[in-house]
Full PDB file with SEQRES, HELIX, SHEET, SSBOND, CRYST1, ORIGX, SCALE, CONECT and MASTER records, all heavy atoms in Angstrom:
SEQRES   1 A   32  TRP ILE ARG ASP VAL ALA GLY GLY LYS ILE ARG ASN ILE          
SEQRES   2 A   32  GLN LEU ILE PHE ASP HIS ALA LYS LYS TYR MET VAL THR          
SEQRES   3 A   32  GLU GLY ASN ILE LYS LYS                                      
HELIX    1 AA1 ILE A    2  VAL A    5  1                                   4    
HELIX    2 AA2 ILE A   13  TYR A   23  1                                  11    
HELIX    3 AA3 GLU A   27  LYS A   31  1                                   5    
CRYST1    1.000    1.000    1.000  90.00  90.00  90.00 P 1           1          
ORIGX1      1.000000  0.000000  0.000000        0.00000                         
ORIGX2      0.000000  1.000000  0.000000        0.00000                         
ORIGX3      0.000000  0.000000  1.000000        0.00000                         
SCALE1      1.000000  0.000000  0.000000        0.00000                         
SCALE2      0.000000  1.000000  0.000000        0.00000                         
SCALE3      0.000000  0.000000  1.000000        0.00000                         
ATOM      1  N   TRP A   1       6.905  -7.267   5.600  1.00  0.00           N  
ATOM      2  CA  TRP A   1       5.496  -7.233   5.051  1.00  0.00           C  
ATOM      3  C   TRP A   1       5.622  -7.433   3.643  1.00  0.00           C  
ATOM      4  O   TRP A   1       4.694  -7.980   2.983  1.00  0.00           O  
ATOM      5  CB  TRP A   1       4.691  -6.179   5.590  1.00  0.00           C  
ATOM      6  CG  TRP A   1       5.115  -4.783   5.003  1.00  0.00           C  
ATOM      7  CD1 TRP A   1       5.834  -3.862   5.611  1.00  0.00           C  
ATOM      8  CD2 TRP A   1       4.678  -4.311   3.608  1.00  0.00           C  
ATOM      9  NE1 TRP A   1       5.936  -2.859   4.752  1.00  0.00           N  
ATOM     10  CE2 TRP A   1       5.272  -2.966   3.627  1.00  0.00           C  
ATOM     11  CE3 TRP A   1       3.980  -4.783   2.645  1.00  0.00           C  
ATOM     12  CZ2 TRP A   1       5.114  -2.234   2.493  1.00  0.00           C  
ATOM     13  CZ3 TRP A   1       3.855  -3.911   1.553  1.00  0.00           C  
ATOM     14  CH2 TRP A   1       4.376  -2.657   1.463  1.00  0.00           C  
ATOM     15  N   ILE A   2       6.712  -6.893   2.937  1.00  0.00           N  
ATOM     16  CA  ILE A   2       6.669  -7.019   1.453  1.00  0.00           C  
ATOM     17  C   ILE A   2       7.075  -8.427   1.034  1.00  0.00           C  
ATOM     18  O   ILE A   2       6.452  -8.782   0.018  1.00  0.00           O  
ATOM     19  CB  ILE A   2       7.945  -5.964   0.996  1.00  0.00           C  
ATOM     20  CG1 ILE A   2       7.366  -4.543   1.045  1.00  0.00           C  
ATOM     21  CG2 ILE A   2       8.289  -6.252  -0.331  1.00  0.00           C  
ATOM     22  CD1 ILE A   2       8.370  -3.495   0.699  1.00  0.00           C  
ATOM     23  N   ARG A   3       7.794  -9.046   1.840  1.00  0.00           N  
ATOM     24  CA  ARG A   3       8.218 -10.449   1.450  1.00  0.00           C  
ATOM     25  C   ARG A   3       6.789 -11.262   1.575  1.00  0.00           C  
ATOM     26  O   ARG A   3       6.495 -12.169   0.803  1.00  0.00           O  
ATOM     27  CB  ARG A   3       9.189 -11.032   2.349  1.00  0.00           C  
ATOM     28  CG  ARG A   3      10.487 -10.529   2.049  1.00  0.00           C  
ATOM     29  CD  ARG A   3      11.680 -11.224   2.790  1.00  0.00           C  
ATOM     30  NE  ARG A   3      12.835 -10.551   2.797  1.00  0.00           N  
ATOM     31  CZ  ARG A   3      13.764 -10.484   1.662  1.00  0.00           C  
ATOM     32  NH1 ARG A   3      13.418 -11.004   0.540  1.00  0.00           N  
ATOM     33  NH2 ARG A   3      14.895  -9.791   1.749  1.00  0.00           N  
ATOM     34  N   ASP A   4       6.096 -10.966   2.660  1.00  0.00           N  
ATOM     35  CA  ASP A   4       4.781 -11.675   2.865  1.00  0.00           C  
ATOM     36  C   ASP A   4       3.838 -11.525   1.820  1.00  0.00           C  
ATOM     37  O   ASP A   4       3.180 -12.387   1.143  1.00  0.00           O  
ATOM     38  CB  ASP A   4       4.121 -11.302   4.258  1.00  0.00           C  
ATOM     39  CG  ASP A   4       4.856 -11.636   5.365  1.00  0.00           C  
ATOM     40  OD1 ASP A   4       5.751 -12.514   5.305  1.00  0.00           O  
ATOM     41  OD2 ASP A   4       4.720 -11.002   6.556  1.00  0.00           O  
ATOM     42  N   VAL A   5       3.637 -10.075   1.359  1.00  0.00           N  
ATOM     43  CA  VAL A   5       2.694  -9.792   0.262  1.00  0.00           C  
ATOM     44  C   VAL A   5       3.217 -10.405  -1.060  1.00  0.00           C  
ATOM     45  O   VAL A   5       2.334 -10.884  -1.776  1.00  0.00           O  
ATOM     46  CB  VAL A   5       2.708  -8.248   0.153  1.00  0.00           C  
ATOM     47  CG1 VAL A   5       1.933  -7.834  -1.106  1.00  0.00           C  
ATOM     48  CG2 VAL A   5       1.883  -7.716   1.300  1.00  0.00           C  
ATOM     49  N   ALA A   6       4.441 -10.449  -1.242  1.00  0.00           N  
ATOM     50  CA  ALA A   6       5.016 -10.933  -2.563  1.00  0.00           C  
ATOM     51  C   ALA A   6       5.292 -12.478  -2.577  1.00  0.00           C  
ATOM     52  O   ALA A   6       5.992 -12.933  -3.543  1.00  0.00           O  
ATOM     53  CB  ALA A   6       6.248 -10.197  -2.821  1.00  0.00           C  
ATOM     54  N   GLY A   7       4.866 -13.171  -1.541  1.00  0.00           N  
ATOM     55  CA  GLY A   7       5.091 -14.571  -1.499  1.00  0.00           C  
ATOM     56  C   GLY A   7       6.495 -15.094  -1.316  1.00  0.00           C  
ATOM     57  O   GLY A   7       6.958 -15.930  -1.783  1.00  0.00           O  
ATOM     58  N   GLY A   8       7.306 -14.114  -0.625  1.00  0.00           N  
ATOM     59  CA  GLY A   8       8.686 -14.468  -0.338  1.00  0.00           C  
ATOM     60  C   GLY A   8       9.614 -13.978  -1.332  1.00  0.00           C  
ATOM     61  O   GLY A   8      10.862 -13.897  -1.148  1.00  0.00           O  
ATOM     62  N   LYS A   9       9.184 -13.800  -2.488  1.00  0.00           N  
ATOM     63  CA  LYS A   9       9.987 -13.249  -3.688  1.00  0.00           C  
ATOM     64  C   LYS A   9       9.434 -11.916  -4.263  1.00  0.00           C  
ATOM     65  O   LYS A   9       8.308 -11.812  -4.442  1.00  0.00           O  
ATOM     66  CB  LYS A   9      10.139 -14.279  -4.805  1.00  0.00           C  
ATOM     67  CG  LYS A   9      10.785 -15.658  -4.171  1.00  0.00           C  
ATOM     68  CD  LYS A   9      10.955 -16.552  -5.327  1.00  0.00           C  
ATOM     69  CE  LYS A   9      11.674 -17.794  -4.798  1.00  0.00           C  
ATOM     70  NZ  LYS A   9      11.707 -18.802  -5.915  1.00  0.00           N  
ATOM     71  N   ILE A  10      10.392 -11.065  -4.513  1.00  0.00           N  
ATOM     72  CA  ILE A  10      10.037  -9.698  -4.980  1.00  0.00           C  
ATOM     73  C   ILE A  10      10.023  -9.847  -6.570  1.00  0.00           C  
ATOM     74  O   ILE A  10      10.874  -9.499  -7.162  1.00  0.00           O  
ATOM     75  CB  ILE A  10      11.011  -8.672  -4.581  1.00  0.00           C  
ATOM     76  CG1 ILE A  10      11.369  -8.728  -2.944  1.00  0.00           C  
ATOM     77  CG2 ILE A  10      10.355  -7.289  -4.889  1.00  0.00           C  
ATOM     78  CD1 ILE A  10      10.037  -8.755  -2.119  1.00  0.00           C  
ATOM     79  N   ARG A  11       8.895 -10.326  -7.054  1.00  0.00           N  
ATOM     80  CA  ARG A  11       8.733 -10.395  -8.466  1.00  0.00           C  
ATOM     81  C   ARG A  11       7.673  -9.496  -9.049  1.00  0.00           C  
ATOM     82  O   ARG A  11       7.857  -8.947  -9.960  1.00  0.00           O  
ATOM     83  CB  ARG A  11       8.515 -11.818  -8.883  1.00  0.00           C  
ATOM     84  CG  ARG A  11       9.634 -12.668  -8.678  1.00  0.00           C  
ATOM     85  CD  ARG A  11       9.417 -14.058  -9.431  1.00  0.00           C  
ATOM     86  NE  ARG A  11      10.566 -14.793  -9.129  1.00  0.00           N  
ATOM     87  CZ  ARG A  11      10.528 -16.176  -9.132  1.00  0.00           C  
ATOM     88  NH1 ARG A  11       9.462 -16.804  -9.045  1.00  0.00           N  
ATOM     89  NH2 ARG A  11      11.606 -16.754  -8.886  1.00  0.00           N  
ATOM     90  N   ASN A  12       6.596  -9.396  -8.266  1.00  0.00           N  
ATOM     91  CA  ASN A  12       5.418  -8.755  -8.855  1.00  0.00           C  
ATOM     92  C   ASN A  12       5.310  -7.371  -8.009  1.00  0.00           C  
ATOM     93  O   ASN A  12       4.645  -7.398  -6.962  1.00  0.00           O  
ATOM     94  CB  ASN A  12       4.149  -9.484  -8.843  1.00  0.00           C  
ATOM     95  CG  ASN A  12       2.992  -8.617  -9.501  1.00  0.00           C  
ATOM     96  OD1 ASN A  12       3.010  -7.410  -9.604  1.00  0.00           O  
ATOM     97  ND2 ASN A  12       2.022  -9.323  -9.811  1.00  0.00           N  
ATOM     98  N   ILE A  13       6.046  -6.358  -8.286  1.00  0.00           N  
ATOM     99  CA  ILE A  13       6.024  -5.192  -7.624  1.00  0.00           C  
ATOM    100  C   ILE A  13       4.685  -4.520  -7.600  1.00  0.00           C  
ATOM    101  O   ILE A  13       4.297  -3.807  -6.503  1.00  0.00           O  
ATOM    102  CB  ILE A  13       7.142  -4.151  -8.247  1.00  0.00           C  
ATOM    103  CG1 ILE A  13       8.503  -4.747  -8.025  1.00  0.00           C  
ATOM    104  CG2 ILE A  13       6.992  -2.782  -7.720  1.00  0.00           C  
ATOM    105  CD1 ILE A  13       9.586  -3.908  -8.525  1.00  0.00           C  
ATOM    106  N   GLN A  14       3.825  -4.780  -8.594  1.00  0.00           N  
ATOM    107  CA  GLN A  14       2.423  -4.063  -8.430  1.00  0.00           C  
ATOM    108  C   GLN A  14       1.699  -4.692  -7.304  1.00  0.00           C  
ATOM    109  O   GLN A  14       0.851  -3.977  -6.764  1.00  0.00           O  
ATOM    110  CB  GLN A  14       1.705  -4.390  -9.777  1.00  0.00           C  
ATOM    111  CG  GLN A  14       0.409  -3.520  -9.932  1.00  0.00           C  
ATOM    112  CD  GLN A  14       0.704  -1.983  -9.877  1.00  0.00           C  
ATOM    113  OE1 GLN A  14       1.652  -1.474 -10.690  1.00  0.00           O  
ATOM    114  NE2 GLN A  14       0.080  -1.405  -9.042  1.00  0.00           N  
ATOM    115  N   LEU A  15       1.889  -5.872  -6.816  1.00  0.00           N  
ATOM    116  CA  LEU A  15       1.205  -6.462  -5.743  1.00  0.00           C  
ATOM    117  C   LEU A  15       1.558  -5.519  -4.529  1.00  0.00           C  
ATOM    118  O   LEU A  15       0.661  -5.357  -3.686  1.00  0.00           O  
ATOM    119  CB  LEU A  15       1.616  -7.867  -5.393  1.00  0.00           C  
ATOM    120  CG  LEU A  15       0.865  -8.932  -6.341  1.00  0.00           C  
ATOM    121  CD1 LEU A  15       1.438 -10.317  -6.042  1.00  0.00           C  
ATOM    122  CD2 LEU A  15      -0.583  -8.929  -6.050  1.00  0.00           C  
ATOM    123  N   ILE A  16       2.869  -5.304  -4.394  1.00  0.00           N  
ATOM    124  CA  ILE A  16       3.400  -4.557  -3.208  1.00  0.00           C  
ATOM    125  C   ILE A  16       2.832  -3.161  -3.247  1.00  0.00           C  
ATOM    126  O   ILE A  16       2.331  -2.591  -2.279  1.00  0.00           O  
ATOM    127  CB  ILE A  16       4.954  -4.531  -3.345  1.00  0.00           C  
ATOM    128  CG1 ILE A  16       5.447  -5.883  -3.126  1.00  0.00           C  
ATOM    129  CG2 ILE A  16       5.489  -3.410  -2.264  1.00  0.00           C  
ATOM    130  CD1 ILE A  16       7.006  -5.973  -3.529  1.00  0.00           C  
ATOM    131  N   PHE A  17       2.792  -2.435  -4.480  1.00  0.00           N  
ATOM    132  CA  PHE A  17       2.201  -1.144  -4.615  1.00  0.00           C  
ATOM    133  C   PHE A  17       0.702  -1.112  -4.255  1.00  0.00           C  
ATOM    134  O   PHE A  17       0.240  -0.202  -3.499  1.00  0.00           O  
ATOM    135  CB  PHE A  17       2.480  -0.540  -5.872  1.00  0.00           C  
ATOM    136  CG  PHE A  17       3.931  -0.291  -6.224  1.00  0.00           C  
ATOM    137  CD1 PHE A  17       4.222   0.140  -7.621  1.00  0.00           C  
ATOM    138  CD2 PHE A  17       4.873  -0.433  -5.326  1.00  0.00           C  
ATOM    139  CE1 PHE A  17       5.582   0.397  -7.899  1.00  0.00           C  
ATOM    140  CE2 PHE A  17       6.222  -0.195  -5.664  1.00  0.00           C  
ATOM    141  CZ  PHE A  17       6.495   0.262  -6.911  1.00  0.00           C  
ATOM    142  N   ASP A  18      -0.015  -2.083  -4.666  1.00  0.00           N  
ATOM    143  CA  ASP A  18      -1.412  -2.132  -4.450  1.00  0.00           C  
ATOM    144  C   ASP A  18      -1.748  -2.262  -2.976  1.00  0.00           C  
ATOM    145  O   ASP A  18      -2.615  -1.674  -2.424  1.00  0.00           O  
ATOM    146  CB  ASP A  18      -2.170  -3.339  -5.240  1.00  0.00           C  
ATOM    147  CG  ASP A  18      -2.194  -3.041  -6.668  1.00  0.00           C  
ATOM    148  OD1 ASP A  18      -1.979  -1.930  -7.175  1.00  0.00           O  
ATOM    149  OD2 ASP A  18      -2.441  -4.007  -7.504  1.00  0.00           O  
ATOM    150  N   HIS A  19      -0.930  -3.249  -2.359  1.00  0.00           N  
ATOM    151  CA  HIS A  19      -1.058  -3.259  -0.855  1.00  0.00           C  
ATOM    152  C   HIS A  19      -0.816  -2.072  -0.099  1.00  0.00           C  
ATOM    153  O   HIS A  19      -1.531  -1.711   0.852  1.00  0.00           O  
ATOM    154  CB  HIS A  19      -0.093  -4.360  -0.403  1.00  0.00           C  
ATOM    155  CG  HIS A  19      -0.131  -4.670   1.051  1.00  0.00           C  
ATOM    156  ND1 HIS A  19      -0.953  -5.492   1.610  1.00  0.00           N  
ATOM    157  CD2 HIS A  19       0.575  -4.078   2.061  1.00  0.00           C  
ATOM    158  CE1 HIS A  19      -0.781  -5.486   3.015  1.00  0.00           C  
ATOM    159  NE2 HIS A  19       0.095  -4.638   3.305  1.00  0.00           N  
ATOM    160  N   ALA A  20       0.239  -1.377  -0.527  1.00  0.00           N  
ATOM    161  CA  ALA A  20       0.534  -0.074   0.219  1.00  0.00           C  
ATOM    162  C   ALA A  20      -0.523   0.889   0.042  1.00  0.00           C  
ATOM    163  O   ALA A  20      -0.908   1.624   0.964  1.00  0.00           O  
ATOM    164  CB  ALA A  20       1.864   0.451  -0.257  1.00  0.00           C  
ATOM    165  N   LYS A  21      -1.051   1.104  -1.156  1.00  0.00           N  
ATOM    166  CA  LYS A  21      -2.182   2.112  -1.379  1.00  0.00           C  
ATOM    167  C   LYS A  21      -3.359   1.700  -0.616  1.00  0.00           C  
ATOM    168  O   LYS A  21      -4.249   2.462  -0.159  1.00  0.00           O  
ATOM    169  CB  LYS A  21      -2.472   2.151  -2.853  1.00  0.00           C  
ATOM    170  CG  LYS A  21      -1.481   2.864  -3.637  1.00  0.00           C  
ATOM    171  CD  LYS A  21      -1.819   2.925  -5.063  1.00  0.00           C  
ATOM    172  CE  LYS A  21      -0.861   3.618  -6.026  1.00  0.00           C  
ATOM    173  NZ  LYS A  21      -1.139   3.588  -7.338  1.00  0.00           N  
ATOM    174  N   LYS A  22      -3.680   0.357  -0.491  1.00  0.00           N  
ATOM    175  CA  LYS A  22      -4.977  -0.070   0.147  1.00  0.00           C  
ATOM    176  C   LYS A  22      -4.740  -0.212   1.654  1.00  0.00           C  
ATOM    177  O   LYS A  22      -5.846   0.198   2.292  1.00  0.00           O  
ATOM    178  CB  LYS A  22      -5.295  -1.526  -0.404  1.00  0.00           C  
ATOM    179  CG  LYS A  22      -6.705  -1.965   0.134  1.00  0.00           C  
ATOM    180  CD  LYS A  22      -6.936  -3.300  -0.524  1.00  0.00           C  
ATOM    181  CE  LYS A  22      -8.406  -3.760  -0.024  1.00  0.00           C  
ATOM    182  NZ  LYS A  22      -8.785  -5.048  -0.743  1.00  0.00           N  
ATOM    183  N   TYR A  23      -3.735  -0.575   2.277  1.00  0.00           N  
ATOM    184  CA  TYR A  23      -3.727  -0.731   3.639  1.00  0.00           C  
ATOM    185  C   TYR A  23      -2.680  -0.003   4.416  1.00  0.00           C  
ATOM    186  O   TYR A  23      -2.765   0.094   5.705  1.00  0.00           O  
ATOM    187  CB  TYR A  23      -3.184  -2.306   3.957  1.00  0.00           C  
ATOM    188  CG  TYR A  23      -4.126  -3.220   3.401  1.00  0.00           C  
ATOM    189  CD1 TYR A  23      -3.729  -4.028   2.303  1.00  0.00           C  
ATOM    190  CD2 TYR A  23      -5.368  -3.573   3.957  1.00  0.00           C  
ATOM    191  CE1 TYR A  23      -4.648  -4.884   1.807  1.00  0.00           C  
ATOM    192  CE2 TYR A  23      -6.229  -4.396   3.451  1.00  0.00           C  
ATOM    193  CZ  TYR A  23      -5.892  -5.150   2.329  1.00  0.00           C  
ATOM    194  OH  TYR A  23      -6.776  -6.206   1.731  1.00  0.00           O  
ATOM    195  N   MET A  24      -1.950   0.957   3.804  1.00  0.00           N  
ATOM    196  CA  MET A  24      -0.931   1.696   4.486  1.00  0.00           C  
ATOM    197  C   MET A  24      -1.085   3.147   4.572  1.00  0.00           C  
ATOM    198  O   MET A  24      -0.220   3.860   5.080  1.00  0.00           O  
ATOM    199  CB  MET A  24       0.604   1.425   3.944  1.00  0.00           C  
ATOM    200  CG  MET A  24       0.879  -0.115   4.055  1.00  0.00           C  
ATOM    201  SD  MET A  24       2.484  -0.500   3.437  1.00  0.00           S  
ATOM    202  CE  MET A  24       3.421   0.164   4.737  1.00  0.00           C  
ATOM    203  N   VAL A  25      -2.220   3.619   4.080  1.00  0.00           N  
ATOM    204  CA  VAL A  25      -2.506   4.965   4.125  1.00  0.00           C  
ATOM    205  C   VAL A  25      -3.203   5.203   5.513  1.00  0.00           C  
ATOM    206  O   VAL A  25      -4.432   5.463   5.573  1.00  0.00           O  
ATOM    207  CB  VAL A  25      -3.374   5.505   2.985  1.00  0.00           C  
ATOM    208  CG1 VAL A  25      -3.628   6.937   3.184  1.00  0.00           C  
ATOM    209  CG2 VAL A  25      -2.804   5.207   1.701  1.00  0.00           C  
ATOM    210  N   THR A  26      -2.458   5.121   6.619  1.00  0.00           N  
ATOM    211  CA  THR A  26      -2.952   5.269   7.993  1.00  0.00           C  
ATOM    212  C   THR A  26      -2.181   6.332   8.702  1.00  0.00           C  
ATOM    213  O   THR A  26      -1.091   6.524   8.304  1.00  0.00           O  
ATOM    214  CB  THR A  26      -2.817   3.931   8.750  1.00  0.00           C  
ATOM    215  OG1 THR A  26      -1.459   3.564   8.771  1.00  0.00           O  
ATOM    216  CG2 THR A  26      -3.621   2.793   8.033  1.00  0.00           C  
ATOM    217  N   GLU A  27      -2.631   6.929   9.678  1.00  0.00           N  
ATOM    218  CA  GLU A  27      -1.933   7.935  10.422  1.00  0.00           C  
ATOM    219  C   GLU A  27      -0.659   7.349  11.025  1.00  0.00           C  
ATOM    220  O   GLU A  27       0.500   7.985  10.892  1.00  0.00           O  
ATOM    221  CB  GLU A  27      -2.901   8.418  11.524  1.00  0.00           C  
ATOM    222  CG  GLU A  27      -2.362   9.499  12.263  1.00  0.00           C  
ATOM    223  CD  GLU A  27      -3.190  10.205  13.451  1.00  0.00           C  
ATOM    224  OE1 GLU A  27      -4.422  10.159  13.192  1.00  0.00           O  
ATOM    225  OE2 GLU A  27      -2.636  10.686  14.366  1.00  0.00           O  
ATOM    226  N   GLY A  28      -0.633   6.176  11.489  1.00  0.00           N  
ATOM    227  CA  GLY A  28       0.504   5.554  12.124  1.00  0.00           C  
ATOM    228  C   GLY A  28       1.563   5.391  11.081  1.00  0.00           C  
ATOM    229  O   GLY A  28       2.761   5.604  11.448  1.00  0.00           O  
ATOM    230  N   ASN A  29       1.104   4.814   9.950  1.00  0.00           N  
ATOM    231  CA  ASN A  29       2.180   4.595   8.935  1.00  0.00           C  
ATOM    232  C   ASN A  29       2.757   5.861   8.324  1.00  0.00           C  
ATOM    233  O   ASN A  29       3.940   5.940   7.984  1.00  0.00           O  
ATOM    234  CB  ASN A  29       1.623   3.614   7.766  1.00  0.00           C  
ATOM    235  CG  ASN A  29       2.717   3.237   6.844  1.00  0.00           C  
ATOM    236  OD1 ASN A  29       3.550   2.419   7.384  1.00  0.00           O  
ATOM    237  ND2 ASN A  29       2.654   3.594   5.671  1.00  0.00           N  
ATOM    238  N   ILE A  30       1.892   6.903   8.118  1.00  0.00           N  
ATOM    239  CA  ILE A  30       2.393   8.044   7.647  1.00  0.00           C  
ATOM    240  C   ILE A  30       3.393   8.748   8.685  1.00  0.00           C  
ATOM    241  O   ILE A  30       4.402   9.344   8.095  1.00  0.00           O  
ATOM    242  CB  ILE A  30       1.176   9.083   7.214  1.00  0.00           C  
ATOM    243  CG1 ILE A  30       0.514   8.371   6.059  1.00  0.00           C  
ATOM    244  CG2 ILE A  30       1.715  10.484   6.926  1.00  0.00           C  
ATOM    245  CD1 ILE A  30      -0.709   9.194   5.595  1.00  0.00           C  
ATOM    246  N   LYS A  31       3.117   8.530   9.899  1.00  0.00           N  
ATOM    247  CA  LYS A  31       4.178   9.075  10.830  1.00  0.00           C  
ATOM    248  C   LYS A  31       5.492   8.139  10.702  1.00  0.00           C  
ATOM    249  O   LYS A  31       6.588   8.838  10.762  1.00  0.00           O  
ATOM    250  CB  LYS A  31       3.678   8.778  12.314  1.00  0.00           C  
ATOM    251  CG  LYS A  31       2.608   9.764  12.637  1.00  0.00           C  
ATOM    252  CD  LYS A  31       2.163   9.845  14.131  1.00  0.00           C  
ATOM    253  CE  LYS A  31       1.144  10.576  14.393  1.00  0.00           C  
ATOM    254  NZ  LYS A  31       1.160  12.065  14.048  1.00  0.00           N  
ATOM    255  N   LYS A  32       5.414   6.969  10.317  1.00  0.00           N  
ATOM    256  CA  LYS A  32       6.643   6.127  10.024  1.00  0.00           C  
ATOM    257  C   LYS A  32       7.447   6.807   8.800  1.00  0.00           C  
ATOM    258  O   LYS A  32       8.645   6.912   8.854  1.00  0.00           O  
ATOM    259  CB  LYS A  32       6.319   4.771   9.940  1.00  0.00           C  
ATOM    260  CG  LYS A  32       5.950   3.964  11.234  1.00  0.00           C  
ATOM    261  CD  LYS A  32       5.706   2.616  10.820  1.00  0.00           C  
ATOM    262  CE  LYS A  32       5.067   1.927  12.118  1.00  0.00           C  
ATOM    263  NZ  LYS A  32       4.592   0.494  11.755  1.00  0.00           N  
TER     264      LYS A  32                                                      
MASTER        0    0    0    3    0    0    0    6  263    1    0    3          
END                                                                             
């Protein structure tokens, strides 16, 4: 998913961080 969010290249870490804060604060992900 990080490659998808970052367009295949990990250059803009802030995009990854923003995605995690917005979409990954879920019960299922916190269990992971």
